[in-house]
Amino acid sequence: KTTMMVRLGWEAGMRIHNLAIMGGFLLLAAGLFVGLPPKIGLPGLLTLPLGLFLIWYMNRIGDRMKPNWNLLTFMAIALYGLTAYLITFTYWIS
């Protein structure tokens, strides 16, 4: 059994990773335009700099920079966790 990453190759996998991060933020922004209350959606967009950092870092890895796996793992968990926390927190207090 081979994983999707092995079948795609590392270059296509990195592109899909970057597109998935940007797609998540674009969906959140699109939600604001179609009726998601700004009190709920805007805090989720506060993590956009983390997402852009991950995309930039993955592009540098694609340019053959040696990855710092601890930083990459921490930033990935922080991006997901902080976005989920901010959206959940704003639902809770509003």
N, C-alpha and C. Protein backbone atom coordinates (compact mmCIF):
# COMPACT_ATOMS: atom_id res chain seq x y z
N LYS A 1 0.85 -1.18 0.00
CA LYS A 1 0.00 0.00 0.00
C LYS A 1 0.89 1.24 0.00
N THR A 2 0.64 2.14 -0.93
CA THR A 2 1.38 3.38 -0.95
C THR A 2 0.45 4.54 -0.58
N THR A 3 1.02 5.54 0.03
CA THR A 3 0.23 6.69 0.45
C THR A 3 0.00 7.63 -0.74
N MET A 4 -0.92 8.56 -0.56
CA MET A 4 -1.20 9.52 -1.61
C MET A 4 0.03 10.37 -1.89
N MET A 5 0.79 10.69 -0.86
CA MET A 5 1.98 11.52 -1.03
C MET A 5 3.02 10.80 -1.89
N VAL A 6 3.17 9.50 -1.69
CA VAL A 6 4.13 8.74 -2.48
C VAL A 6 3.67 8.67 -3.93
N ARG A 7 2.39 8.50 -4.14
CA ARG A 7 1.86 8.42 -5.51
C ARG A 7 1.97 9.76 -6.23
N LEU A 8 1.72 10.86 -5.52
CA LEU A 8 1.77 12.18 -6.15
C LEU A 8 3.19 12.66 -6.39
N GLY A 9 4.07 12.38 -5.47
CA GLY A 9 5.41 12.95 -5.50
C GLY A 9 5.47 14.16 -4.59
N TRP A 10 6.66 14.50 -4.17
CA TRP A 10 6.78 15.56 -3.17
C TRP A 10 6.43 16.94 -3.72
N GLU A 11 6.71 17.19 -5.00
CA GLU A 11 6.41 18.52 -5.55
C GLU A 11 4.90 18.76 -5.64
N ALA A 12 4.18 17.78 -6.15
CA ALA A 12 2.72 17.91 -6.23
C ALA A 12 2.10 17.93 -4.83
N GLY A 13 2.68 17.17 -3.91
CA GLY A 13 2.19 17.17 -2.54
C GLY A 13 2.34 18.53 -1.87
N MET A 14 3.46 19.20 -2.15
CA MET A 14 3.67 20.53 -1.59
C MET A 14 2.69 21.54 -2.19
N ARG A 15 2.43 21.42 -3.48
CA ARG A 15 1.46 22.32 -4.11
C ARG A 15 0.07 22.12 -3.52
N ILE A 16 -0.32 20.86 -3.34
CA ILE A 16 -1.64 20.58 -2.76
C ILE A 16 -1.71 21.09 -1.32
N HIS A 17 -0.63 20.94 -0.57
CA HIS A 17 -0.58 21.45 0.81
C HIS A 17 -0.81 22.96 0.82
N ASN A 18 -0.10 23.68 -0.04
CA ASN A 18 -0.23 25.14 -0.08
C ASN A 18 -1.62 25.55 -0.55
N LEU A 19 -2.15 24.84 -1.53
CA LEU A 19 -3.50 25.15 -2.01
C LEU A 19 -4.55 24.87 -0.94
N ALA A 20 -4.35 23.84 -0.14
CA ALA A 20 -5.29 23.52 0.93
C ALA A 20 -5.30 24.62 2.00
N ILE A 21 -4.14 25.13 2.34
CA ILE A 21 -4.08 26.21 3.33
C ILE A 21 -4.78 27.46 2.79
N MET A 22 -4.44 27.85 1.56
CA MET A 22 -5.07 29.03 0.99
C MET A 22 -6.56 28.80 0.75
N GLY A 23 -6.93 27.60 0.37
CA GLY A 23 -8.34 27.29 0.15
C GLY A 23 -9.16 27.43 1.42
N GLY A 24 -8.60 27.02 2.54
CA GLY A 24 -9.30 27.17 3.82
C GLY A 24 -9.56 28.63 4.15
N PHE A 25 -8.56 29.47 3.94
CA PHE A 25 -8.75 30.89 4.22
C PHE A 25 -9.69 31.54 3.22
N LEU A 26 -9.63 31.11 1.95
CA LEU A 26 -10.55 31.65 0.96
C LEU A 26 -11.99 31.25 1.25
N LEU A 27 -12.20 30.02 1.72
CA LEU A 27 -13.55 29.60 2.10
C LEU A 27 -14.07 30.41 3.29
N LEU A 28 -13.21 30.67 4.24
CA LEU A 28 -13.61 31.48 5.39
C LEU A 28 -13.95 32.90 4.95
N ALA A 29 -13.14 33.47 4.06
CA ALA A 29 -13.42 34.82 3.56
C ALA A 29 -14.69 34.82 2.71
N ALA A 30 -14.89 33.79 1.92
CA ALA A 30 -16.12 33.70 1.11
C ALA A 30 -17.34 33.59 2.01
N GLY A 31 -17.20 32.90 3.13
CA GLY A 31 -18.30 32.81 4.07
C GLY A 31 -18.71 34.17 4.60
N LEU A 32 -17.74 35.05 4.78
CA LEU A 32 -18.06 36.40 5.24
C LEU A 32 -18.90 37.14 4.20
N PHE A 33 -18.67 36.86 2.93
CA PHE A 33 -19.42 37.55 1.88
C PHE A 33 -20.82 36.98 1.67
N VAL A 34 -21.03 35.74 2.10
CA VAL A 34 -22.35 35.14 1.86
C VAL A 34 -23.19 35.02 3.13
N GLY A 35 -22.78 35.69 4.20
CA GLY A 35 -23.66 35.75 5.35
C GLY A 35 -23.08 35.32 6.69
N LEU A 36 -21.86 34.82 6.73
CA LEU A 36 -21.25 34.49 8.01
C LEU A 36 -21.00 35.79 8.77
N PRO A 37 -21.48 35.89 10.00
CA PRO A 37 -21.30 37.15 10.74
C PRO A 37 -19.81 37.49 10.91
N PRO A 38 -19.46 38.75 10.68
CA PRO A 38 -18.06 39.16 10.83
C PRO A 38 -17.50 38.89 12.23
N LYS A 39 -18.37 38.94 13.26
CA LYS A 39 -17.90 38.63 14.61
C LYS A 39 -17.38 37.21 14.71
N ILE A 40 -17.85 36.32 13.84
CA ILE A 40 -17.43 34.92 13.87
C ILE A 40 -16.28 34.67 12.91
N GLY A 41 -16.35 35.22 11.71
CA GLY A 41 -15.38 34.91 10.68
C GLY A 41 -14.06 35.64 10.77
N LEU A 42 -14.09 36.90 11.18
CA LEU A 42 -12.85 37.68 11.21
C LEU A 42 -11.79 37.15 12.18
N PRO A 43 -12.16 36.69 13.36
CA PRO A 43 -11.12 36.13 14.22
C PRO A 43 -10.39 34.93 13.60
N GLY A 44 -11.09 34.15 12.79
CA GLY A 44 -10.43 33.04 12.11
C GLY A 44 -9.40 33.50 11.11
N LEU A 45 -9.63 34.68 10.53
CA LEU A 45 -8.67 35.22 9.57
C LEU A 45 -7.43 35.82 10.23
N LEU A 46 -7.45 35.96 11.54
CA LEU A 46 -6.27 36.47 12.25
C LEU A 46 -5.08 35.52 12.13
N THR A 47 -5.34 34.28 11.82
CA THR A 47 -4.24 33.31 11.69
C THR A 47 -3.68 33.26 10.28
N LEU A 48 -4.12 34.15 9.40
CA LEU A 48 -3.60 34.18 8.04
C LEU A 48 -2.08 34.34 7.98
N PRO A 49 -1.45 35.17 8.82
CA PRO A 49 0.02 35.23 8.77
C PRO A 49 0.69 33.88 9.06
N LEU A 50 0.11 33.07 9.94
CA LEU A 50 0.67 31.73 10.18
C LEU A 50 0.56 30.87 8.93
N GLY A 51 -0.57 30.95 8.25
CA GLY A 51 -0.75 30.19 7.02
C GLY A 51 0.21 30.63 5.94
N LEU A 52 0.40 31.94 5.80
CA LEU A 52 1.34 32.45 4.81
C LEU A 52 2.77 32.04 5.16
N PHE A 53 3.09 32.01 6.46
CA PHE A 53 4.42 31.56 6.86
C PHE A 53 4.62 30.09 6.48
N LEU A 54 3.63 29.25 6.70
CA LEU A 54 3.75 27.84 6.34
C LEU A 54 3.92 27.66 4.83
N ILE A 55 3.20 28.43 4.05
CA ILE A 55 3.35 28.35 2.60
C ILE A 55 4.75 28.79 2.19
N TRP A 56 5.22 29.88 2.75
CA TRP A 56 6.57 30.37 2.45
C TRP A 56 7.63 29.34 2.86
N TYR A 57 7.45 28.74 4.03
CA TYR A 57 8.41 27.77 4.52
C TYR A 57 8.42 26.51 3.65
N MET A 58 7.24 26.07 3.22
CA MET A 58 7.18 24.89 2.35
C MET A 58 7.82 25.19 0.99
N ASN A 59 7.66 26.41 0.49
CA ASN A 59 8.33 26.77 -0.75
C ASN A 59 9.84 26.76 -0.59
N ARG A 60 10.32 27.19 0.56
CA ARG A 60 11.77 27.15 0.81
C ARG A 60 12.26 25.71 0.90
N ILE A 61 11.46 24.83 1.50
CA ILE A 61 11.83 23.42 1.53
C ILE A 61 11.88 22.87 0.11
N GLY A 62 10.93 23.30 -0.73
CA GLY A 62 10.93 22.90 -2.13
C GLY A 62 12.15 23.38 -2.88
N ASP A 63 12.76 24.47 -2.41
CA ASP A 63 13.99 24.99 -3.00
C ASP A 63 15.23 24.36 -2.37
N ARG A 64 15.04 23.22 -1.72
CA ARG A 64 16.12 22.40 -1.15
C ARG A 64 16.71 22.94 0.15
N MET A 65 15.95 23.76 0.88
CA MET A 65 16.40 24.16 2.21
C MET A 65 16.15 23.01 3.18
N LYS A 66 17.06 22.81 4.10
CA LYS A 66 16.87 21.76 5.10
C LYS A 66 15.74 22.15 6.05
N PRO A 67 14.73 21.28 6.20
CA PRO A 67 13.58 21.65 7.04
C PRO A 67 13.88 21.49 8.53
N ASN A 68 13.31 22.38 9.30
CA ASN A 68 13.30 22.27 10.75
C ASN A 68 11.95 21.64 11.10
N TRP A 69 11.96 20.34 11.32
CA TRP A 69 10.70 19.60 11.49
C TRP A 69 9.97 20.01 12.75
N ASN A 70 10.69 20.37 13.80
CA ASN A 70 10.01 20.80 15.03
C ASN A 70 9.24 22.10 14.80
N LEU A 71 9.85 23.06 14.12
CA LEU A 71 9.17 24.32 13.82
C LEU A 71 7.98 24.08 12.88
N LEU A 72 8.17 23.27 11.87
CA LEU A 72 7.10 22.99 10.91
C LEU A 72 5.91 22.31 11.60
N THR A 73 6.18 21.35 12.45
CA THR A 73 5.11 20.67 13.18
C THR A 73 4.39 21.62 14.13
N PHE A 74 5.16 22.43 14.85
CA PHE A 74 4.56 23.38 15.78
C PHE A 74 3.67 24.38 15.06
N MET A 75 4.15 24.91 13.93
CA MET A 75 3.37 25.90 13.19
C MET A 75 2.11 25.28 12.60
N ALA A 76 2.18 24.04 12.14
CA ALA A 76 1.00 23.37 11.59
C ALA A 76 -0.05 23.16 12.67
N ILE A 77 0.38 22.71 13.83
CA ILE A 77 -0.56 22.51 14.94
C ILE A 77 -1.10 23.85 15.42
N ALA A 78 -0.24 24.86 15.47
CA ALA A 78 -0.68 26.19 15.91
C ALA A 78 -1.70 26.78 14.95
N LEU A 79 -1.48 26.61 13.65
CA LEU A 79 -2.42 27.15 12.67
C LEU A 79 -3.79 26.52 12.82
N TYR A 80 -3.84 25.22 12.88
CA TYR A 80 -5.11 24.52 13.02
C TYR A 80 -5.76 24.81 14.38
N GLY A 81 -4.99 24.67 15.44
CA GLY A 81 -5.54 24.84 16.79
C GLY A 81 -5.98 26.26 17.07
N LEU A 82 -5.17 27.23 16.68
CA LEU A 82 -5.52 28.62 16.97
C LEU A 82 -6.73 29.07 16.16
N THR A 83 -6.82 28.65 14.90
CA THR A 83 -7.99 29.00 14.10
C THR A 83 -9.26 28.40 14.71
N ALA A 84 -9.20 27.13 15.06
CA ALA A 84 -10.36 26.48 15.67
C ALA A 84 -10.71 27.14 17.00
N TYR A 85 -9.71 27.47 17.79
CA TYR A 85 -9.95 28.11 19.08
C TYR A 85 -10.61 29.47 18.91
N LEU A 86 -10.09 30.30 18.01
CA LEU A 86 -10.64 31.64 17.84
C LEU A 86 -12.08 31.61 17.36
N ILE A 87 -12.38 30.73 16.40
CA ILE A 87 -13.76 30.65 15.93
C ILE A 87 -14.68 30.12 17.03
N THR A 88 -14.24 29.09 17.74
CA THR A 88 -15.05 28.53 18.81
C THR A 88 -15.25 29.54 19.94
N PHE A 89 -14.21 30.25 20.29
CA PHE A 89 -14.29 31.24 21.36
C PHE A 89 -15.28 32.36 21.01
N THR A 90 -15.24 32.80 19.74
CA THR A 90 -16.17 33.87 19.37
C THR A 90 -17.61 33.37 19.34
N TYR A 91 -17.83 32.11 19.00
CA TYR A 91 -19.19 31.56 19.12
C TYR A 91 -19.62 31.55 20.58
N TRP A 92 -18.68 31.23 21.47
CA TRP A 92 -19.01 31.09 22.88
C TRP A 92 -19.37 32.44 23.51
N ILE A 93 -18.62 33.49 23.15
CA ILE A 93 -18.85 34.78 23.81
C ILE A 93 -19.91 35.64 23.11
N SER A 94 -20.32 35.27 21.90
CA SER A 94 -21.32 36.11 21.22
C SER A 94 -22.72 35.61 21.39
